[in-house]
Amino acid sequence: MIICNYITPDFFGIVSFTGIPKLLFYAYIPIMIVSSFLGFLIYKHDKKEYASFLLILSLSFSFWIILDILSWIIIDASLNLMVWMIALMAEIFIYILPIYFLYSFCFKKSIKKIYKTVLLLITGFFVVLSQSIYNYKHFDLDICEGVHGYFWDIIPLVKVICLMILVAVGLSAIFMEKNKIRRKMNSFVFIGSFVFLTIFSFSTSFSDITNIFEFNLIGPLGMVVFLSLLTFLIVRFKAFDIKLIGSQALVWALIVLVGSEFFFVENLVNQILVGVTLIISSVSGLLIVRSVKREITLREHLEIANRNQESLIHFVSHQLKGFFTKSKMIFSGIVEDDFGSASKELKDAAKEGLLSDDNAVAMIQDILGASNLKKGTTTYNMKEVDFADVVRKTCEGFKKEIEDRGLGFINNIPNTPIKVLADLTQITQVVKNLIDNSLKYTPKGSVEVSLSSEKKDGKDKVLLVIKDTGIGLSESDKNKLFTEGGKGDESLKVNVNSTGYGLYIVKKIVENHGGKIWAESDGRGMGSRFYVELGLTK
């Protein structure tokens, strides 16, 4: 056994805590436990290749931390030299593995065999060199450090190359991804990987250059950023299919941080206080996790019930539409004398039945439309359309109904095209629903439809205004107006077939087009004004 000249052993003749930083264990051990825990947790719930790389990365990082701690406290020259050489081997894996993880996560596929082979060969070459005399020549007892070989000098170049590859993979994954959510996820994973590798590489390189090895304590900060962004991905985007990660990570981090204080608290009273705090934190944390787990279970049951309810609604609606379609054909046949000449009384009754069926089908369509919009299953075929032409044609479709109701109609639609980016079918439904709504709640008077372009907040906008002289809106009505199933206090007195879904559907469609919708009224009996604002195309 060869001991460094100026150090006195504390334990087993080879270990000494003299001169080590007080924060060594507190900086290293918590992040080591949390990173290993998160790696195992993700791998347990998600067996894909990127989860395997993440687990290996977290274990390599934890292994490096253990070796670095040992390099601080082991004073036997041969053992210390062996620990340093193995630590460098683990360090090489830490530089390579983020590239594997980033690529497989972002592109959802394995690295091509040719690239994987090249990376494995390079990694193997560096690992072999790290364990040879080209890395460490011998151990200097006077300064209690290893004397570096030629390979040591090219390690910074290896770090730079790994960072450059990581940046190339990350930027490619971000700019090549078309899906906005996936692009955000790729961005967070890239930023986390880059920050981790940059801080880790800088801290190890700077400590080697300056021989101020306390800089190694900065290295784990990069892993903190990396783990924080992964946790955010899990909570925000449901990545890795983990549900309890937020509460579990918080509880484990709290327990680890409190427990690690034992490593540098020397006073007995303080140790007792830390122990009591650790017990309280552990019990409270476990209760929190159990509570969150119970809430998640209840929410999952509720989601299943909602899906079953939606399936039932779609099934019943489909069946009802079939029945109403059949009865509509019968009523229409009577009105058109398809079954022979019918009396006026029978035709009038058939017309009422036909109108009733139309209202029923429209009600079913509203309920189905609201359900689809709420689930986000409605698809949009966005393209440039002439909004003025859409409004004009929709108004023409209401011409006969307006005449039958004895209402006046004011048309302020310009003849010049007004282009917007929209789904033609959906935006037509918006205009149709709003005009139909004003007609139903305007027993007498008129309906006015206006369309104009305007400049707002430096952007070109188009404003659709539908104004009526109907029953108006109370403050209570305004609060319910665009909500799911919301009905005004007097709505059923005027429109017995109101479902409360029409304006809810309109609002969702407008918002999905990046627009705004609102309503104004001077009060009950004072009419209403509905506004739709959309962005103009260049």
Protein backbone atom coordinates (compact mmCIF):
# COMPACT_ATOMS: atom_id res chain seq x y z
CA MET A 1 0.00 0.00 0.00
CA ILE A 2 1.37 3.39 -1.05
CA ILE A 3 -0.10 6.40 0.80
CA CYS A 4 0.19 10.03 -0.28
CA ASN A 5 2.99 11.72 1.69
CA TYR A 6 1.03 14.44 3.47
CA ILE A 7 -2.28 12.67 4.25
CA THR A 8 -3.22 10.69 7.36
CA PRO A 9 -5.80 7.91 6.92
CA ASP A 10 -9.13 8.09 8.79
CA PHE A 11 -10.71 4.69 7.99
CA PHE A 12 -9.37 1.30 6.92
CA GLY A 13 -5.97 2.81 6.25
CA ILE A 14 -6.93 3.95 2.72
CA VAL A 15 -9.72 6.50 3.28
CA SER A 16 -9.39 10.07 4.51
CA PHE A 17 -11.96 12.87 4.72
CA THR A 18 -9.31 15.48 5.41
CA GLY A 19 -9.50 18.45 3.06
CA ILE A 20 -12.55 17.33 1.08
CA PRO A 21 -15.23 19.97 0.33
CA LYS A 22 -18.05 19.93 2.88
CA LEU A 23 -20.64 20.06 0.10
CA LEU A 24 -19.18 17.07 -1.76
CA PHE A 25 -21.82 14.58 -0.64
CA TYR A 26 -24.64 17.13 -0.56
CA ALA A 27 -23.94 18.20 -4.15
CA TYR A 28 -23.45 14.71 -5.55
CA ILE A 29 -25.60 12.17 -3.72
CA PRO A 30 -29.09 13.79 -4.09
CA ILE A 31 -28.80 14.30 -7.84
CA MET A 32 -27.30 10.80 -8.24
CA ILE A 33 -30.29 9.21 -6.49
CA VAL A 34 -32.87 11.33 -8.28
CA SER A 35 -31.33 10.74 -11.74
CA SER A 36 -31.16 6.98 -11.17
CA PHE A 37 -34.72 6.95 -9.85
CA LEU A 38 -36.04 8.89 -12.85
CA GLY A 39 -34.10 6.69 -15.28
CA PHE A 40 -35.53 3.50 -13.78
CA LEU A 41 -39.03 4.99 -13.56
CA ILE A 42 -39.10 6.02 -17.22
CA TYR A 43 -37.67 2.68 -18.33
CA LYS A 44 -40.26 0.82 -16.24
CA HIS A 45 -43.16 2.63 -17.94
CA ASP A 46 -41.69 3.02 -21.41
CA LYS A 47 -39.59 0.21 -22.85
CA LYS A 48 -38.66 2.05 -26.04
CA GLU A 49 -35.04 2.43 -27.11
CA TYR A 50 -34.68 6.03 -25.94
CA ALA A 51 -35.77 4.96 -22.42
CA SER A 52 -32.95 2.39 -22.43
CA PHE A 53 -30.40 5.04 -23.42
CA LEU A 54 -31.73 7.38 -20.72
CA LEU A 55 -31.41 4.65 -18.09
CA ILE A 56 -27.83 3.84 -19.17
CA LEU A 57 -27.00 7.57 -19.15
CA SER A 58 -28.38 8.06 -15.62
CA LEU A 59 -26.53 4.97 -14.36
CA SER A 60 -23.28 6.07 -16.04
CA PHE A 61 -23.66 9.50 -14.46
CA SER A 62 -24.33 7.95 -11.04
CA PHE A 63 -21.37 5.60 -11.46
CA TRP A 64 -19.14 8.57 -12.34
CA ILE A 65 -20.32 10.43 -9.21
CA ILE A 66 -19.47 7.44 -7.00
CA LEU A 67 -16.03 7.18 -8.59
CA ASP A 68 -15.41 10.92 -8.23
CA ILE A 69 -16.33 10.76 -4.54
CA LEU A 70 -13.93 7.82 -4.12
CA SER A 71 -11.18 9.78 -5.88
CA TRP A 72 -11.56 12.47 -3.21
CA ILE A 73 -11.38 10.15 -0.21
CA ILE A 74 -9.11 7.21 -1.27
CA ILE A 75 -5.48 7.92 -0.46
CA ASP A 76 -3.91 4.64 -1.57
CA ALA A 77 -2.01 5.57 -4.76
CA SER A 78 -2.77 2.42 -6.77
CA LEU A 79 -6.47 2.40 -5.85
CA ASN A 80 -6.80 6.12 -6.52
CA LEU A 81 -5.18 5.74 -9.94
CA MET A 82 -7.52 2.87 -10.78
CA VAL A 83 -10.59 4.91 -9.70
CA TRP A 84 -9.50 7.88 -11.82
CA MET A 85 -9.03 5.71 -14.91
CA ILE A 86 -12.40 4.01 -14.52
CA ALA A 87 -14.05 7.41 -13.91
CA LEU A 88 -12.72 8.64 -17.25
CA MET A 89 -14.20 5.57 -18.94
CA ALA A 90 -17.60 6.38 -17.42
CA GLU A 91 -17.11 9.99 -18.48
CA ILE A 92 -16.71 8.94 -22.14
CA PHE A 93 -20.07 7.16 -22.02
CA ILE A 94 -21.64 10.30 -20.57
CA TYR A 95 -20.47 12.27 -23.63
CA ILE A 96 -21.79 9.70 -26.14
CA LEU A 97 -25.10 8.59 -24.60
CA PRO A 98 -26.98 11.95 -24.81
CA ILE A 99 -26.54 11.77 -28.60
CA TYR A 100 -28.13 8.31 -28.71
CA PHE A 101 -30.96 9.39 -26.41
CA LEU A 102 -31.67 12.64 -28.28
CA TYR A 103 -31.73 10.95 -31.70
CA SER A 104 -33.93 8.01 -30.71
CA PHE A 105 -36.38 10.22 -28.76
CA CYS A 106 -36.76 12.91 -31.43
CA PHE A 107 -36.83 10.70 -34.52
CA LYS A 108 -38.61 7.75 -32.85
CA LYS A 109 -36.26 5.28 -34.48
CA SER A 110 -32.94 3.59 -33.91
CA ILE A 111 -29.70 5.09 -35.17
CA LYS A 112 -28.65 3.59 -38.51
CA LYS A 113 -26.33 0.64 -38.14
CA ILE A 114 -23.47 2.36 -39.95
CA TYR A 115 -23.57 5.38 -37.60
CA LYS A 116 -24.07 3.17 -34.56
CA THR A 117 -21.08 1.05 -35.58
CA VAL A 118 -18.89 4.14 -36.04
CA LEU A 119 -19.92 5.56 -32.67
CA LEU A 120 -19.33 2.23 -30.93
CA LEU A 121 -15.88 1.88 -32.52
CA ILE A 122 -14.92 5.43 -31.50
CA THR A 123 -16.27 4.85 -27.98
CA GLY A 124 -14.42 1.53 -27.70
CA PHE A 125 -11.18 3.13 -28.94
CA PHE A 126 -11.39 5.93 -26.36
CA VAL A 127 -12.30 3.49 -23.58
CA VAL A 128 -9.24 1.36 -24.35
CA LEU A 129 -6.97 4.42 -24.42
CA SER A 130 -8.43 5.68 -21.15
CA GLN A 131 -7.23 2.53 -19.41
CA SER A 132 -3.70 2.63 -20.83
CA ILE A 133 -0.44 4.38 -20.03
CA TYR A 134 -1.35 6.89 -22.75
CA ASN A 135 -3.89 8.29 -20.29
CA TYR A 136 -2.15 8.01 -16.88
CA LYS A 137 1.60 7.38 -16.66
CA HIS A 138 1.99 7.09 -12.90
CA PHE A 139 0.86 8.55 -9.56
CA ASP A 140 2.85 11.41 -7.99
CA LEU A 141 2.88 10.95 -4.21
CA ASP A 142 4.17 14.44 -3.53
CA ILE A 143 1.12 16.13 -5.03
CA CYS A 144 -1.20 13.10 -4.62
CA GLU A 145 -2.28 13.23 -8.28
CA GLY A 146 -1.93 11.11 -11.38
CA VAL A 147 0.52 12.19 -14.10
CA HIS A 148 -1.38 12.44 -17.40
CA GLY A 149 -0.41 10.92 -20.73
CA TYR A 150 -0.96 12.06 -24.33
CA PHE A 151 -4.57 10.88 -24.50
CA TRP A 152 -5.49 13.26 -21.71
CA ASP A 153 -4.70 16.22 -23.95
CA ILE A 154 -7.21 15.23 -26.66
CA ILE A 155 -10.15 14.67 -24.29
CA PRO A 156 -11.32 18.32 -24.66
CA LEU A 157 -11.45 17.77 -28.44
CA VAL A 158 -13.62 14.68 -27.88
CA LYS A 159 -16.00 16.77 -25.77
CA VAL A 160 -16.26 19.46 -28.44
CA ILE A 161 -16.96 16.88 -31.18
CA CYS A 162 -19.69 15.24 -29.07
CA LEU A 163 -21.31 18.65 -28.45
CA MET A 164 -21.21 19.48 -32.16
CA ILE A 165 -22.88 16.16 -33.06
CA LEU A 166 -25.49 16.75 -30.35
CA VAL A 167 -26.26 20.23 -31.74
CA ALA A 168 -26.54 18.89 -35.30
CA VAL A 169 -28.96 16.14 -34.23
CA GLY A 170 -31.01 18.48 -32.04
CA LEU A 171 -31.43 21.25 -34.62
CA SER A 172 -32.30 18.70 -37.33
CA ALA A 173 -34.96 17.18 -35.07
CA ILE A 174 -36.49 20.60 -34.35
CA PHE A 175 -36.56 22.00 -37.89
CA MET A 176 -37.57 18.75 -39.60
CA GLU A 177 -40.53 18.10 -37.27
CA LYS A 178 -43.86 19.36 -38.70
CA ASN A 179 -46.04 18.66 -35.67
CA LYS A 180 -45.97 21.68 -33.32
CA ILE A 181 -46.27 19.66 -30.11
CA ARG A 182 -43.56 17.22 -31.15
CA ARG A 183 -41.36 20.17 -32.18
CA LYS A 184 -41.73 21.67 -28.69
CA MET A 185 -40.91 18.33 -27.08
CA ASN A 186 -37.83 17.93 -29.29
CA SER A 187 -36.74 21.46 -28.36
CA PHE A 188 -36.97 20.77 -24.63
CA VAL A 189 -35.08 17.47 -24.91
CA PHE A 190 -32.36 19.13 -27.01
CA ILE A 191 -31.99 22.08 -24.63
CA GLY A 192 -31.82 19.77 -21.61
CA SER A 193 -29.24 17.47 -23.25
CA PHE A 194 -27.13 20.41 -24.46
CA VAL A 195 -27.14 22.20 -21.08
CA PHE A 196 -26.27 18.97 -19.25
CA LEU A 197 -23.39 18.04 -21.56
CA THR A 198 -22.05 21.60 -21.74
CA ILE A 199 -21.96 22.18 -17.97
CA PHE A 200 -20.61 18.70 -17.28
CA SER A 201 -17.87 19.03 -19.92
CA PHE A 202 -16.92 22.54 -18.83
CA SER A 203 -16.71 21.68 -15.13
CA THR A 204 -14.54 18.59 -15.65
CA SER A 205 -12.27 20.31 -18.19
CA PHE A 206 -11.85 23.47 -16.12
CA SER A 207 -11.05 21.50 -12.97
CA ASP A 208 -8.42 19.47 -14.89
CA ILE A 209 -6.82 22.59 -16.41
CA THR A 210 -6.71 24.60 -13.17
CA ASN A 211 -6.26 21.65 -10.78
CA ILE A 212 -9.11 23.17 -8.76
CA PHE A 213 -11.18 20.01 -8.51
CA GLU A 214 -13.98 21.70 -6.59
CA PHE A 215 -15.25 22.81 -10.02
CA ASN A 216 -16.43 19.23 -10.52
CA LEU A 217 -19.17 20.02 -8.02
CA ILE A 218 -20.75 22.29 -10.66
CA GLY A 219 -21.19 19.38 -13.08
CA PRO A 220 -24.41 17.99 -11.52
CA LEU A 221 -26.17 21.32 -12.12
CA GLY A 222 -26.48 20.37 -15.79
CA MET A 223 -28.20 17.13 -14.81
CA VAL A 224 -30.61 19.14 -12.65
CA VAL A 225 -31.64 21.18 -15.70
CA PHE A 226 -31.90 18.02 -17.83
CA LEU A 227 -34.07 16.19 -15.28
CA SER A 228 -36.25 19.27 -14.73
CA LEU A 229 -37.02 19.53 -18.44
CA LEU A 230 -37.75 15.79 -18.65
CA THR A 231 -40.12 16.14 -15.71
CA PHE A 232 -41.78 19.08 -17.45
CA LEU A 233 -42.22 16.96 -20.60
CA ILE A 234 -43.85 14.21 -18.56
CA VAL A 235 -46.23 16.57 -16.75
CA ARG A 236 -47.02 18.91 -19.66
CA PHE A 237 -46.95 16.60 -22.70
CA LYS A 238 -47.54 13.19 -21.03
CA ALA A 239 -44.20 11.99 -22.41
CA PHE A 240 -42.98 8.50 -21.44
CA ASP A 241 -46.52 7.55 -20.33
CA ILE A 242 -45.87 8.34 -16.65
CA LYS A 243 -48.63 9.85 -14.52
CA LEU A 244 -47.24 10.20 -10.99
CA ILE A 245 -43.84 11.63 -11.92
CA GLY A 246 -44.54 15.17 -10.66
CA SER A 247 -45.43 14.20 -7.11
CA GLN A 248 -42.99 11.28 -6.93
CA ALA A 249 -40.03 13.34 -8.15
CA LEU A 250 -40.88 16.15 -5.70
CA VAL A 251 -41.18 13.76 -2.75
CA TRP A 252 -38.01 11.84 -3.57
CA ALA A 253 -36.03 15.02 -4.14
CA LEU A 254 -37.22 16.35 -0.76
CA ILE A 255 -36.32 13.12 1.06
CA VAL A 256 -32.91 12.89 -0.61
CA LEU A 257 -32.02 16.53 0.04
CA VAL A 258 -33.00 16.33 3.71
CA GLY A 259 -31.27 12.98 4.18
CA SER A 260 -28.05 14.13 2.57
CA GLU A 261 -27.62 16.76 5.28
CA PHE A 262 -26.34 13.97 7.54
CA PHE A 263 -23.08 14.04 5.58
CA PHE A 264 -22.02 17.48 6.78
CA VAL A 265 -24.05 18.10 9.96
CA GLU A 266 -21.74 17.35 12.87
CA ASN A 267 -23.67 18.63 15.91
CA LEU A 268 -25.72 15.89 17.61
CA VAL A 269 -28.73 18.16 18.18
CA ASN A 270 -28.74 19.16 14.51
CA GLN A 271 -28.48 15.51 13.51
CA ILE A 272 -31.55 14.69 15.62
CA LEU A 273 -33.47 17.60 14.06
CA VAL A 274 -32.49 16.44 10.57
CA GLY A 275 -33.62 12.91 11.43
CA VAL A 276 -37.02 14.10 12.70
CA THR A 277 -37.43 16.30 9.61
CA LEU A 278 -36.54 13.35 7.37
CA ILE A 279 -39.16 11.12 9.03
CA ILE A 280 -41.87 13.81 8.79
CA SER A 281 -40.95 14.54 5.15
CA SER A 282 -41.02 10.86 4.23
CA VAL A 283 -44.41 10.19 5.84
CA SER A 284 -45.95 13.37 4.42
CA GLY A 285 -44.49 12.64 0.98
CA LEU A 286 -45.87 9.11 0.89
CA LEU A 287 -49.31 10.40 1.87
CA ILE A 288 -49.14 13.00 -0.91
CA VAL A 289 -48.19 10.36 -3.51
CA ARG A 290 -51.02 8.08 -2.35
CA SER A 291 -53.47 10.98 -2.56
CA VAL A 292 -52.33 11.94 -6.06
CA LYS A 293 -52.47 8.31 -7.17
CA ARG A 294 -56.04 8.01 -5.87
CA GLU A 295 -57.02 11.20 -7.71
CA ILE A 296 -55.45 9.94 -10.96
CA THR A 297 -57.33 6.64 -10.62
CA LEU A 298 -60.63 8.47 -10.14
CA ARG A 299 -59.86 10.72 -13.11
CA GLU A 300 -59.10 7.71 -15.31
CA HIS A 301 -62.40 6.11 -14.30
CA LEU A 302 -64.17 9.37 -15.11
CA GLU A 303 -62.47 9.53 -18.52
CA ILE A 304 -63.59 5.98 -19.25
CA ALA A 305 -67.15 6.88 -18.23
CA ASN A 306 -67.04 9.99 -20.45
CA ARG A 307 -65.80 7.95 -23.41
CA ASN A 308 -68.57 5.42 -22.89
CA GLN A 309 -71.10 8.25 -22.66
CA GLU A 310 -69.77 9.79 -25.86
CA SER A 311 -69.98 6.44 -27.63
CA LEU A 312 -73.56 6.06 -26.44
CA ILE A 313 -74.42 9.59 -27.62
CA HIS A 314 -72.97 8.89 -31.07
CA PHE A 315 -74.77 5.53 -31.32
CA VAL A 316 -78.16 6.93 -30.22
CA SER A 317 -77.72 10.00 -32.43
CA HIS A 318 -76.88 7.84 -35.45
CA GLN A 319 -79.96 5.69 -34.89
CA LEU A 320 -82.23 8.70 -34.35
CA LYS A 321 -80.95 10.39 -37.51
CA GLY A 322 -81.88 7.23 -39.42
CA PHE A 323 -85.40 7.24 -37.99
CA PHE A 324 -85.92 10.95 -38.65
CA THR A 325 -84.57 10.63 -42.20
CA LYS A 326 -87.11 7.90 -42.89
CA SER A 327 -90.02 9.91 -41.47
CA LYS A 328 -88.84 13.00 -43.39
CA MET A 329 -89.04 11.01 -46.62
CA ILE A 330 -92.60 10.00 -45.75
CA PHE A 331 -93.69 13.56 -44.86
CA SER A 332 -91.95 14.92 -47.96
CA GLY A 333 -93.74 12.31 -50.10
CA ILE A 334 -97.11 13.41 -48.72
CA VAL A 335 -96.35 17.09 -49.41
CA GLU A 336 -95.19 16.30 -52.96
CA ASP A 337 -98.18 13.96 -53.67
CA ASP A 338 -95.87 10.96 -54.18
CA PHE A 339 -98.50 8.72 -52.58
CA GLY A 340 -101.40 10.23 -54.46
CA SER A 341 -103.39 13.41 -54.01
CA ALA A 342 -103.62 14.46 -50.35
CA SER A 343 -105.98 16.91 -48.67
CA LYS A 344 -104.76 20.36 -47.61
CA GLU A 345 -105.14 19.42 -43.96
CA LEU A 346 -102.93 16.33 -44.42
CA LYS A 347 -100.30 18.32 -46.32
CA ASP A 348 -100.22 20.99 -43.61
CA ALA A 349 -99.77 18.29 -40.98
CA ALA A 350 -97.00 16.70 -43.06
CA LYS A 351 -95.27 20.07 -43.36
CA GLU A 352 -95.33 20.46 -39.58
CA GLY A 353 -93.93 16.94 -39.21
CA LEU A 354 -91.20 17.75 -41.76
CA LEU A 355 -90.29 20.93 -39.89
CA SER A 356 -90.24 19.03 -36.60
CA ASP A 357 -87.91 16.41 -38.06
CA ASP A 358 -85.61 19.13 -39.45
CA ASN A 359 -85.40 20.71 -35.99
CA ALA A 360 -84.68 17.31 -34.41
CA VAL A 361 -81.90 16.53 -36.89
CA ALA A 362 -80.40 20.00 -36.36
CA MET A 363 -80.48 19.41 -32.59
CA ILE A 364 -78.68 16.08 -32.99
CA GLN A 365 -76.08 17.72 -35.26
CA ASP A 366 -75.46 20.40 -32.62
CA ILE A 367 -74.89 17.84 -29.87
CA LEU A 368 -72.57 15.74 -32.05
CA GLY A 369 -70.70 18.82 -33.25
CA ALA A 370 -70.16 20.05 -29.71
CA SER A 371 -68.93 16.59 -28.63
CA ASN A 372 -66.42 16.40 -31.49
CA LEU A 373 -65.13 19.92 -30.88
CA LYS A 374 -64.72 19.23 -27.18
CA LYS A 375 -62.70 16.08 -27.90
CA GLY A 376 -60.65 17.87 -30.56
CA THR A 377 -61.54 15.32 -33.26
CA THR A 378 -62.92 17.90 -35.69
CA THR A 379 -60.59 18.27 -38.68
CA TYR A 380 -59.98 21.52 -40.54
CA ASN A 381 -59.03 21.89 -44.21
CA MET A 382 -57.51 25.35 -44.03
CA LYS A 383 -57.15 27.30 -47.27
CA GLU A 384 -57.67 30.83 -48.57
CA VAL A 385 -61.39 31.61 -49.00
CA ASP A 386 -63.37 34.73 -49.90
CA PHE A 387 -65.15 35.47 -46.62
CA ALA A 388 -67.34 38.14 -48.25
CA ASP A 389 -68.61 35.55 -50.74
CA VAL A 390 -69.28 33.08 -47.91
CA VAL A 391 -71.36 35.63 -45.99
CA ARG A 392 -73.18 36.77 -49.12
CA LYS A 393 -74.20 33.25 -50.18
CA THR A 394 -75.23 32.32 -46.63
CA CYS A 395 -77.49 35.38 -46.44
CA GLU A 396 -79.12 34.42 -49.77
CA GLY A 397 -79.94 31.02 -48.29
CA PHE A 398 -81.99 32.71 -45.55
CA LYS A 399 -83.93 34.95 -47.96
CA LYS A 400 -87.15 32.88 -47.99
CA GLU A 401 -87.14 32.34 -44.20
CA ILE A 402 -86.68 36.07 -43.59
CA GLU A 403 -89.63 36.83 -45.90
CA ASP A 404 -91.81 34.16 -44.23
CA ARG A 405 -91.07 35.69 -40.81
CA GLY A 406 -91.94 39.17 -42.08
CA LEU A 407 -88.57 40.58 -41.00
CA GLY A 408 -86.49 43.26 -42.61
CA PHE A 409 -82.97 42.45 -43.79
CA ILE A 410 -80.10 44.92 -44.20
CA ASN A 411 -77.11 43.78 -46.24
CA ASN A 412 -73.81 45.67 -45.75
CA ILE A 413 -71.52 43.17 -47.46
CA PRO A 414 -68.91 44.63 -49.85
CA ASN A 415 -68.64 43.29 -53.40
CA THR A 416 -64.85 43.17 -53.23
CA PRO A 417 -63.18 39.92 -52.06
CA ILE A 418 -62.08 39.65 -48.43
CA LYS A 419 -59.66 36.75 -48.14
CA VAL A 420 -59.14 34.75 -44.94
CA LEU A 421 -57.46 31.44 -44.13
CA ALA A 422 -60.29 29.11 -43.13
CA ASP A 423 -62.06 25.79 -43.51
CA LEU A 424 -64.87 26.63 -45.94
CA THR A 425 -67.41 24.24 -44.40
CA GLN A 426 -66.71 25.23 -40.80
CA ILE A 427 -66.60 29.00 -41.37
CA THR A 428 -69.85 28.78 -43.37
CA GLN A 429 -71.42 27.04 -40.38
CA VAL A 430 -70.32 29.95 -38.17
CA VAL A 431 -72.09 32.53 -40.35
CA LYS A 432 -75.15 30.30 -40.78
CA ASN A 433 -75.52 29.62 -37.04
CA LEU A 434 -75.19 33.30 -36.11
CA ILE A 435 -77.77 34.49 -38.66
CA ASP A 436 -80.11 31.63 -37.73
CA ASN A 437 -79.70 32.53 -34.05
CA SER A 438 -80.66 36.17 -34.70
CA LEU A 439 -83.71 35.15 -36.76
CA LYS A 440 -84.98 32.78 -34.08
CA TYR A 441 -84.77 35.42 -31.34
CA THR A 442 -86.15 38.32 -33.38
CA PRO A 443 -89.97 38.11 -33.41
CA LYS A 444 -90.25 41.43 -35.22
CA GLY A 445 -88.04 44.11 -36.68
CA SER A 446 -84.93 43.39 -38.74
CA VAL A 447 -81.57 41.68 -38.97
CA GLU A 448 -78.51 43.49 -40.29
CA VAL A 449 -75.34 41.76 -41.53
CA SER A 450 -72.19 43.86 -41.99
CA LEU A 451 -68.68 42.97 -43.09
CA SER A 452 -65.67 45.27 -43.04
CA SER A 453 -61.88 45.28 -43.01
CA GLU A 454 -59.93 47.07 -40.30
CA LYS A 455 -56.45 47.58 -38.91
CA LYS A 456 -56.04 46.37 -35.32
CA ASP A 457 -52.81 46.15 -33.33
CA GLY A 458 -50.89 46.58 -36.57
CA LYS A 459 -52.60 43.59 -38.21
CA ASP A 460 -55.21 43.38 -40.97
CA LYS A 461 -58.52 42.04 -39.65
CA VAL A 462 -62.02 41.39 -40.97
CA LEU A 463 -65.02 42.07 -38.73
CA LEU A 464 -68.40 40.39 -39.19
CA VAL A 465 -71.28 42.04 -37.32
CA ILE A 466 -74.79 40.56 -37.08
CA LYS A 467 -77.21 42.97 -35.47
CA ASP A 468 -80.87 42.27 -34.66
CA THR A 469 -83.81 43.96 -32.97
CA GLY A 470 -84.76 40.84 -31.01
CA ILE A 471 -85.23 40.00 -27.35
CA GLY A 472 -81.75 41.16 -26.38
CA LEU A 473 -79.43 39.85 -23.69
CA SER A 474 -79.35 40.29 -19.94
CA GLU A 475 -76.06 40.21 -18.01
CA SER A 476 -76.93 36.68 -16.93
CA ASP A 477 -77.46 35.68 -20.58
CA LYS A 478 -74.05 37.05 -21.58
CA ASN A 479 -72.31 34.83 -19.02
CA LYS A 480 -73.99 31.69 -20.40
CA LEU A 481 -74.00 32.62 -24.07
CA PHE A 482 -71.00 30.73 -25.48
CA THR A 483 -70.85 27.94 -22.88
CA GLU A 484 -71.62 24.29 -23.50
CA GLY A 485 -75.41 23.85 -23.22
CA GLY A 486 -75.82 27.46 -22.08
CA LYS A 487 -79.23 29.05 -22.62
CA GLY A 488 -80.57 32.51 -21.96
CA ASP A 489 -83.24 33.03 -19.30
CA GLU A 490 -85.90 33.78 -21.94
CA SER A 491 -84.57 31.60 -24.76
CA LEU A 492 -86.96 28.67 -24.37
CA LYS A 493 -89.96 31.02 -24.39
CA VAL A 494 -88.98 32.16 -27.89
CA ASN A 495 -87.22 29.04 -29.23
CA VAL A 496 -88.46 25.80 -27.66
CA ASN A 497 -85.94 23.77 -29.68
CA SER A 498 -82.89 25.53 -28.24
CA THR A 499 -80.10 23.10 -27.30
CA GLY A 500 -77.62 25.64 -25.98
CA TYR A 501 -74.89 24.15 -28.20
CA GLY A 502 -75.13 26.36 -31.30
CA LEU A 503 -73.11 29.33 -30.04
CA TYR A 504 -70.74 27.03 -28.16
CA ILE A 505 -69.90 25.35 -31.48
CA VAL A 506 -69.48 28.71 -33.19
CA LYS A 507 -67.08 29.93 -30.51
CA LYS A 508 -64.92 26.80 -30.75
CA ILE A 509 -64.72 27.02 -34.55
CA VAL A 510 -63.81 30.72 -34.48
CA GLU A 511 -61.12 30.16 -31.85
CA ASN A 512 -59.68 27.24 -33.85
CA HIS A 513 -59.36 29.71 -36.74
CA GLY A 514 -57.34 32.03 -34.51
CA GLY A 515 -60.24 34.51 -34.30
CA LYS A 516 -62.38 36.12 -31.62
CA ILE A 517 -66.14 36.19 -31.05
CA TRP A 518 -68.21 38.21 -28.62
CA ALA A 519 -71.70 39.62 -28.14
CA GLU A 520 -73.11 42.94 -26.97
CA SER A 521 -76.58 44.10 -25.99
CA ASP A 522 -78.08 47.14 -24.31
CA GLY A 523 -80.36 44.87 -22.29
CA ARG A 524 -83.56 42.85 -22.46
CA GLY A 525 -85.75 43.85 -25.41
CA MET A 526 -82.97 46.02 -26.91
CA GLY A 527 -81.65 43.61 -29.53
CA SER A 528 -78.22 41.94 -29.80
CA ARG A 529 -75.00 42.40 -31.72
CA PHE A 530 -72.65 39.48 -32.48
CA TYR A 531 -69.07 40.11 -33.60
CA VAL A 532 -66.60 37.76 -35.30
CA GLU A 533 -63.02 38.91 -35.91
CA LEU A 534 -60.64 36.97 -38.17
CA GLY A 535 -57.19 37.68 -39.59
CA LEU A 536 -56.88 38.62 -43.26
CA THR A 537 -54.44 36.84 -45.55
CA LYS A 538 -51.81 38.89 -47.38
